[in-house]
């Protein structure tokens, strides 16, 4: 059997919590922050959970869980 490799693109973008959920960054928090409201910036500063329907294929990209 060949070695299982981690998809590096997924590893750089996702983290696995202790309970097995996937967390992702909120988009839109890199630039043009002056025009965004304080509340939207506050929401974007927190990480979000990946939708449950998207989780199984993404977990297959991370065979060792990070």
Protein backbone atom coordinates (compact mmCIF):
# COMPACT_ATOMS: atom_id res chain seq x y z
CA UNK A 1 0.00 0.00 0.00
CA UNK A 2 1.28 3.48 -0.75
CA UNK A 3 1.43 6.05 2.00
CA UNK A 4 -1.65 8.16 2.65
CA UNK A 5 -0.93 11.81 2.03
CA UNK A 6 -2.61 14.80 3.59
CA UNK A 7 -4.09 17.33 1.17
CA UNK A 8 -1.94 20.31 2.07
CA UNK A 9 -4.49 22.84 0.81
CA UNK A 10 -7.06 21.49 3.27
CA UNK A 11 -4.51 21.29 6.07
CA UNK A 12 -3.66 24.97 5.68
CA UNK A 13 -7.29 26.07 5.77
CA UNK A 14 -8.95 23.78 8.31
CA UNK A 15 -8.42 22.69 11.88
CA UNK A 16 -9.97 19.69 13.60
CA UNK A 17 -11.33 20.24 17.10
CA UNK A 18 -11.03 17.74 19.91
CA UNK A 19 -14.55 16.48 19.24
CA UNK A 20 -13.88 15.99 15.51
CA UNK A 21 -15.55 19.11 14.11
CA UNK A 22 -13.88 21.11 11.36
CA UNK A 23 -13.28 24.82 11.86
CA UNK A 24 -12.57 27.33 9.12
CA UNK A 25 -11.74 31.01 8.89
CA UNK A 26 -14.46 33.51 8.02
CA UNK A 27 -13.93 35.00 4.56
CA UNK A 28 -13.64 38.71 3.91
CA UNK A 29 -11.35 39.69 6.78
CA UNK A 30 -8.11 40.45 4.92
CA UNK A 31 -8.53 43.87 3.33
CA UNK A 32 -10.98 46.76 2.83
CA UNK A 33 -11.76 46.65 6.53
CA UNK A 34 -12.51 50.37 6.74
CA UNK A 35 -15.72 50.02 4.77
CA UNK A 36 -16.99 47.07 6.81
CA UNK A 37 -19.09 47.57 9.89
CA UNK A 38 -17.75 46.88 13.35
CA UNK A 39 -20.26 44.10 13.92
CA UNK A 40 -19.36 42.31 10.68
CA UNK A 41 -15.65 42.56 11.54
CA UNK A 42 -16.36 41.21 15.01
CA UNK A 43 -18.26 38.25 13.54
CA UNK A 44 -15.51 37.64 10.98
CA UNK A 45 -12.82 37.55 13.66
CA UNK A 46 -14.25 34.31 15.04
CA UNK A 47 -13.76 30.97 13.35
CA UNK A 48 -16.78 29.17 11.95
CA UNK A 49 -17.71 25.51 11.87
CA UNK A 50 -17.75 23.78 8.49
CA UNK A 51 -21.25 22.78 7.43
CA UNK A 52 -22.07 19.18 8.40
CA UNK A 53 -22.71 18.16 4.79
CA UNK A 54 -19.24 19.30 3.73
CA UNK A 55 -17.39 17.65 6.59
CA UNK A 56 -16.99 13.99 5.44
CA UNK A 57 -15.14 14.67 2.17
CA UNK A 58 -12.92 17.22 3.89
CA UNK A 59 -12.06 14.78 6.65
CA UNK A 60 -10.96 12.32 3.97
CA UNK A 61 -8.48 14.98 2.83
CA UNK A 62 -7.04 14.99 6.36
CA UNK A 63 -6.37 11.29 7.06
CA UNK A 64 -4.26 11.99 10.15
CA UNK A 65 -6.53 14.63 11.62
CA UNK A 66 -3.87 17.31 12.05
